[in-house]
């Protein structure tokens, strides 16, 4: 292993670096223009409705609106990882179900 290589996946940058690529993606996604603080709400249905509005109004997305909205939500959950409180994960997982309901898609495990 080279002296400069670390297991951070950041090309040798130390963890805790203030400019993370995943945060930039959620702020400046090229596919969706997200409403500010969309993932910080406490209402799963409101989160889902906001993502649906963003996905349906976007002219830059590469796939359908449902897939784009669900991808952004899943990306946010996965990137936040263990730093996300369980209560927040629960709300965001409920937002996934609400998004499926808005698009008349079957819920997971149903």
N, C-alpha and C. Protein backbone atom coordinates (compact mmCIF):
# COMPACT_ATOMS: atom_id res chain seq x y z
N UNK A 1 0.85 -1.18 0.00
CA UNK A 1 0.00 0.00 0.00
C UNK A 1 0.89 1.23 0.00
N UNK A 2 0.57 2.18 -0.83
CA UNK A 2 1.36 3.41 -0.91
C UNK A 2 1.20 4.21 0.37
N UNK A 3 2.17 5.03 0.66
CA UNK A 3 2.16 5.80 1.89
C UNK A 3 1.01 6.79 1.94
N UNK A 4 0.55 7.25 0.82
CA UNK A 4 -0.49 8.26 0.77
C UNK A 4 -1.91 7.69 0.73
N UNK A 5 -2.04 6.38 0.59
CA UNK A 5 -3.35 5.76 0.41
C UNK A 5 -3.99 5.47 1.76
N UNK A 6 -5.28 5.74 1.85
CA UNK A 6 -6.02 5.43 3.07
C UNK A 6 -7.28 4.68 2.70
N UNK A 7 -7.98 4.23 3.69
CA UNK A 7 -9.21 3.47 3.45
C UNK A 7 -10.43 4.37 3.48
N UNK A 8 -10.25 5.66 3.36
CA UNK A 8 -11.37 6.58 3.41
C UNK A 8 -12.18 6.60 2.13
N UNK A 9 -11.57 6.17 1.03
CA UNK A 9 -12.27 6.24 -0.25
C UNK A 9 -12.30 7.66 -0.78
N UNK A 10 -11.59 8.55 -0.15
CA UNK A 10 -11.58 9.95 -0.53
C UNK A 10 -10.25 10.32 -1.19
N UNK A 11 -9.52 9.34 -1.68
CA UNK A 11 -8.25 9.63 -2.33
C UNK A 11 -7.23 10.20 -1.36
N UNK A 12 -7.27 9.70 -0.13
CA UNK A 12 -6.30 10.12 0.85
C UNK A 12 -6.78 11.24 1.76
N UNK A 13 -7.93 11.80 1.51
CA UNK A 13 -8.47 12.85 2.37
C UNK A 13 -8.94 12.23 3.68
N UNK A 14 -8.72 12.92 4.74
CA UNK A 14 -9.16 12.43 6.04
C UNK A 14 -10.66 12.55 6.17
N UNK A 15 -11.26 11.66 6.95
CA UNK A 15 -12.69 11.76 7.21
C UNK A 15 -12.96 13.03 7.98
N UNK A 16 -14.16 13.54 7.82
CA UNK A 16 -14.52 14.77 8.48
C UNK A 16 -14.22 15.98 7.61
N UNK A 17 -13.74 15.75 6.41
CA UNK A 17 -13.48 16.84 5.48
C UNK A 17 -14.80 17.54 5.22
N UNK A 18 -14.82 18.85 5.27
CA UNK A 18 -16.07 19.59 5.22
C UNK A 18 -16.75 19.58 3.86
N UNK A 19 -16.06 19.26 2.80
CA UNK A 19 -16.64 19.29 1.46
C UNK A 19 -16.77 17.87 0.93
N UNK A 20 -17.89 17.24 1.20
CA UNK A 20 -18.09 15.86 0.74
C UNK A 20 -18.88 15.86 -0.57
N UNK A 21 -18.50 14.97 -1.45
CA UNK A 21 -19.14 14.91 -2.75
C UNK A 21 -20.61 14.54 -2.63
N UNK A 22 -20.97 13.71 -1.64
CA UNK A 22 -22.36 13.28 -1.52
C UNK A 22 -23.26 14.44 -1.10
N UNK A 23 -22.77 15.32 -0.26
CA UNK A 23 -23.54 16.50 0.12
C UNK A 23 -23.75 17.41 -1.05
N UNK A 24 -22.73 17.52 -1.88
CA UNK A 24 -22.83 18.36 -3.07
C UNK A 24 -23.88 17.80 -4.04
N UNK A 25 -23.94 16.47 -4.14
CA UNK A 25 -24.92 15.85 -5.04
C UNK A 25 -26.33 16.20 -4.60
N UNK A 26 -26.62 16.11 -3.30
CA UNK A 26 -27.98 16.40 -2.86
C UNK A 26 -28.31 17.89 -2.98
N UNK A 27 -27.29 18.75 -2.91
CA UNK A 27 -27.53 20.19 -3.05
C UNK A 27 -27.61 20.62 -4.50
N UNK A 28 -26.83 19.99 -5.38
CA UNK A 28 -26.72 20.47 -6.76
C UNK A 28 -26.94 19.37 -7.78
N UNK A 29 -27.86 18.47 -7.51
CA UNK A 29 -28.13 17.37 -8.43
C UNK A 29 -28.41 17.90 -9.83
N UNK A 30 -27.82 17.23 -10.81
CA UNK A 30 -28.05 17.63 -12.19
C UNK A 30 -29.38 17.09 -12.71
N UNK A 31 -29.96 16.15 -11.99
CA UNK A 31 -31.21 15.54 -12.45
C UNK A 31 -32.43 16.19 -11.82
N UNK A 32 -32.35 16.57 -10.56
CA UNK A 32 -33.50 17.13 -9.85
C UNK A 32 -33.12 18.42 -9.15
N UNK A 33 -34.01 19.39 -9.19
CA UNK A 33 -33.87 20.60 -8.39
C UNK A 33 -34.70 20.39 -7.13
N UNK A 34 -34.02 20.01 -6.05
CA UNK A 34 -34.72 19.70 -4.81
C UNK A 34 -35.08 20.95 -4.05
N UNK A 35 -36.21 20.89 -3.36
CA UNK A 35 -36.60 21.98 -2.49
C UNK A 35 -35.63 22.01 -1.30
N UNK A 36 -35.34 23.19 -0.76
CA UNK A 36 -34.40 23.28 0.36
C UNK A 36 -34.86 22.43 1.55
N UNK A 37 -33.93 21.73 2.16
CA UNK A 37 -34.18 20.92 3.36
C UNK A 37 -35.28 19.88 3.19
N UNK A 38 -35.44 19.37 1.99
CA UNK A 38 -36.50 18.41 1.72
C UNK A 38 -36.36 17.17 2.60
N UNK A 39 -35.16 16.74 2.91
CA UNK A 39 -34.96 15.51 3.68
C UNK A 39 -35.01 15.75 5.19
N UNK A 40 -35.18 16.99 5.62
CA UNK A 40 -35.19 17.30 7.05
C UNK A 40 -36.58 17.35 7.65
N UNK A 41 -37.61 17.20 6.83
CA UNK A 41 -38.98 17.27 7.33
C UNK A 41 -39.35 16.06 8.18
N UNK A 42 -40.43 16.21 8.95
CA UNK A 42 -40.90 15.13 9.81
C UNK A 42 -42.09 14.38 9.23
N UNK A 43 -42.60 14.85 8.09
CA UNK A 43 -43.77 14.25 7.48
C UNK A 43 -43.36 13.47 6.23
N UNK A 44 -43.40 12.13 6.29
CA UNK A 44 -43.00 11.32 5.14
C UNK A 44 -43.77 11.64 3.86
N UNK A 45 -45.07 11.93 4.00
CA UNK A 45 -45.89 12.23 2.81
C UNK A 45 -45.44 13.55 2.18
N UNK A 46 -45.08 14.53 3.00
CA UNK A 46 -44.62 15.82 2.47
C UNK A 46 -43.28 15.66 1.76
N UNK A 47 -42.40 14.82 2.30
CA UNK A 47 -41.12 14.55 1.66
C UNK A 47 -41.37 13.90 0.30
N UNK A 48 -42.25 12.91 0.27
CA UNK A 48 -42.56 12.21 -0.98
C UNK A 48 -43.18 13.15 -2.01
N UNK A 49 -44.10 14.01 -1.57
CA UNK A 49 -44.73 14.95 -2.49
C UNK A 49 -43.72 15.95 -3.05
N UNK A 50 -42.79 16.38 -2.23
CA UNK A 50 -41.75 17.30 -2.69
C UNK A 50 -40.86 16.63 -3.73
N UNK A 51 -40.45 15.39 -3.46
CA UNK A 51 -39.63 14.67 -4.43
C UNK A 51 -40.39 14.44 -5.73
N UNK A 52 -41.67 14.13 -5.63
CA UNK A 52 -42.48 13.92 -6.84
C UNK A 52 -42.56 15.20 -7.66
N UNK A 53 -42.81 16.35 -6.99
CA UNK A 53 -42.85 17.63 -7.71
C UNK A 53 -41.53 17.90 -8.42
N UNK A 54 -40.42 17.68 -7.70
CA UNK A 54 -39.10 17.93 -8.29
C UNK A 54 -38.83 17.02 -9.48
N UNK A 55 -39.18 15.75 -9.34
CA UNK A 55 -38.92 14.80 -10.42
C UNK A 55 -39.78 15.07 -11.64
N UNK A 56 -41.03 15.43 -11.41
CA UNK A 56 -41.92 15.65 -12.55
C UNK A 56 -41.65 16.97 -13.26
N UNK A 57 -41.09 17.94 -12.55
CA UNK A 57 -40.81 19.22 -13.20
C UNK A 57 -39.42 19.25 -13.86
N UNK A 58 -38.59 18.26 -13.57
CA UNK A 58 -37.25 18.24 -14.12
C UNK A 58 -37.24 17.87 -15.60
N UNK A 59 -36.46 18.61 -16.35
CA UNK A 59 -36.29 18.30 -17.78
C UNK A 59 -34.93 17.63 -18.03
N UNK A 60 -34.15 17.47 -16.96
CA UNK A 60 -32.79 16.93 -17.11
C UNK A 60 -32.64 15.49 -16.65
N UNK A 61 -33.67 14.93 -16.06
CA UNK A 61 -33.53 13.57 -15.54
C UNK A 61 -33.37 12.56 -16.68
N UNK A 62 -32.70 11.46 -16.37
CA UNK A 62 -32.41 10.46 -17.40
C UNK A 62 -33.37 9.28 -17.36
N UNK A 63 -34.17 9.18 -16.32
CA UNK A 63 -35.15 8.10 -16.23
C UNK A 63 -36.50 8.70 -15.83
N UNK A 64 -37.47 7.85 -15.60
CA UNK A 64 -38.80 8.32 -15.25
C UNK A 64 -38.83 9.05 -13.91
N UNK A 65 -39.90 9.82 -13.66
CA UNK A 65 -39.96 10.60 -12.43
C UNK A 65 -39.94 9.75 -11.16
N UNK A 66 -40.66 8.61 -11.15
CA UNK A 66 -40.65 7.77 -9.95
C UNK A 66 -39.24 7.29 -9.64
N UNK A 67 -38.60 6.78 -10.66
CA UNK A 67 -37.25 6.24 -10.46
C UNK A 67 -36.27 7.33 -10.03
N UNK A 68 -36.37 8.50 -10.59
CA UNK A 68 -35.48 9.60 -10.22
C UNK A 68 -35.70 10.02 -8.77
N UNK A 69 -36.96 10.15 -8.37
CA UNK A 69 -37.27 10.55 -7.00
C UNK A 69 -36.82 9.49 -6.00
N UNK A 70 -37.11 8.23 -6.30
CA UNK A 70 -36.72 7.14 -5.39
C UNK A 70 -35.20 7.03 -5.32
N UNK A 71 -34.53 7.22 -6.43
CA UNK A 71 -33.06 7.15 -6.44
C UNK A 71 -32.45 8.23 -5.56
N UNK A 72 -32.98 9.44 -5.62
CA UNK A 72 -32.45 10.52 -4.81
C UNK A 72 -32.68 10.25 -3.32
N UNK A 73 -33.83 9.73 -2.98
CA UNK A 73 -34.14 9.42 -1.59
C UNK A 73 -33.23 8.30 -1.08
N UNK A 74 -33.08 7.26 -1.86
CA UNK A 74 -32.21 6.14 -1.48
C UNK A 74 -30.76 6.61 -1.37
N UNK A 75 -30.33 7.43 -2.29
CA UNK A 75 -28.97 7.97 -2.26
C UNK A 75 -28.73 8.73 -0.95
N UNK A 76 -29.69 9.57 -0.57
CA UNK A 76 -29.54 10.34 0.66
C UNK A 76 -29.43 9.43 1.88
N UNK A 77 -30.29 8.42 1.96
CA UNK A 77 -30.26 7.49 3.09
C UNK A 77 -28.93 6.74 3.13
N UNK A 78 -28.49 6.25 2.00
CA UNK A 78 -27.24 5.47 1.95
C UNK A 78 -26.02 6.33 2.26
N UNK A 79 -25.98 7.54 1.77
CA UNK A 79 -24.81 8.41 1.97
C UNK A 79 -24.73 8.91 3.41
N UNK A 80 -25.87 9.14 4.04
CA UNK A 80 -25.85 9.61 5.43
C UNK A 80 -25.39 8.50 6.36
N UNK A 81 -25.70 7.27 6.00
CA UNK A 81 -25.21 6.10 6.71
C UNK A 81 -25.45 6.11 8.20
N UNK A 82 -24.42 5.77 8.93
CA UNK A 82 -24.56 5.62 10.37
C UNK A 82 -24.69 6.96 11.09
N UNK A 83 -24.48 8.07 10.40
CA UNK A 83 -24.64 9.38 11.01
C UNK A 83 -26.11 9.80 11.10
N UNK A 84 -26.98 9.05 10.48
CA UNK A 84 -28.40 9.37 10.46
C UNK A 84 -29.09 8.67 11.64
N UNK A 85 -29.77 9.43 12.50
CA UNK A 85 -30.47 8.80 13.63
C UNK A 85 -31.54 7.83 13.14
N UNK A 86 -31.79 6.80 13.95
CA UNK A 86 -32.78 5.79 13.57
C UNK A 86 -34.15 6.41 13.32
N UNK A 87 -34.50 7.44 14.09
CA UNK A 87 -35.80 8.09 13.89
C UNK A 87 -35.88 8.75 12.51
N UNK A 88 -34.77 9.32 12.05
CA UNK A 88 -34.74 9.96 10.72
C UNK A 88 -34.81 8.89 9.64
N UNK A 89 -34.10 7.77 9.83
CA UNK A 89 -34.13 6.68 8.85
C UNK A 89 -35.56 6.16 8.72
N UNK A 90 -36.26 6.02 9.86
CA UNK A 90 -37.63 5.53 9.83
C UNK A 90 -38.53 6.48 9.03
N UNK A 91 -38.38 7.78 9.24
CA UNK A 91 -39.18 8.76 8.50
C UNK A 91 -38.88 8.67 7.01
N UNK A 92 -37.61 8.55 6.65
CA UNK A 92 -37.24 8.49 5.23
C UNK A 92 -37.69 7.18 4.59
N UNK A 93 -37.64 6.08 5.34
CA UNK A 93 -38.15 4.81 4.81
C UNK A 93 -39.67 4.90 4.60
N UNK A 94 -40.36 5.58 5.51
CA UNK A 94 -41.80 5.79 5.33
C UNK A 94 -42.06 6.68 4.11
N UNK A 95 -41.15 7.61 3.85
CA UNK A 95 -41.28 8.47 2.66
C UNK A 95 -41.17 7.63 1.39
N UNK A 96 -40.37 6.58 1.42
CA UNK A 96 -40.29 5.69 0.26
C UNK A 96 -41.64 5.05 -0.01
N UNK A 97 -42.29 4.56 1.05
CA UNK A 97 -43.62 3.97 0.88
C UNK A 97 -44.63 5.01 0.39
N UNK A 98 -44.54 6.22 0.93
CA UNK A 98 -45.44 7.29 0.49
C UNK A 98 -45.21 7.61 -0.99
N UNK A 99 -43.96 7.60 -1.42
CA UNK A 99 -43.64 7.84 -2.83
C UNK A 99 -44.20 6.72 -3.70
N UNK A 100 -44.08 5.48 -3.24
CA UNK A 100 -44.67 4.36 -3.98
C UNK A 100 -46.18 4.53 -4.09
N UNK A 101 -46.81 4.98 -3.00
CA UNK A 101 -48.26 5.20 -3.03
C UNK A 101 -48.63 6.29 -4.04
N UNK A 102 -47.87 7.38 -4.07
CA UNK A 102 -48.15 8.48 -5.00
C UNK A 102 -48.08 8.03 -6.46
N UNK A 103 -47.22 7.07 -6.74
CA UNK A 103 -47.05 6.57 -8.11
C UNK A 103 -47.77 5.24 -8.34
N UNK A 104 -48.61 4.84 -7.39
CA UNK A 104 -49.36 3.58 -7.49
C UNK A 104 -48.45 2.39 -7.75
N UNK A 105 -47.35 2.35 -7.05
CA UNK A 105 -46.42 1.23 -7.13
C UNK A 105 -46.58 0.37 -5.89
N UNK A 106 -46.35 -0.93 -6.00
CA UNK A 106 -46.49 -1.79 -4.81
C UNK A 106 -45.41 -1.50 -3.78
N UNK A 107 -45.79 -1.59 -2.53
CA UNK A 107 -44.83 -1.42 -1.44
C UNK A 107 -43.93 -2.65 -1.38
N UNK A 108 -42.75 -2.48 -0.82
CA UNK A 108 -41.83 -3.61 -0.65
C UNK A 108 -42.43 -4.63 0.31
N UNK A 109 -42.29 -5.89 -0.02
CA UNK A 109 -42.78 -6.95 0.84
C UNK A 109 -44.29 -7.15 0.75
N UNK A 110 -44.94 -6.38 -0.12
CA UNK A 110 -46.41 -6.50 -0.22
C UNK A 110 -46.80 -7.40 -1.37
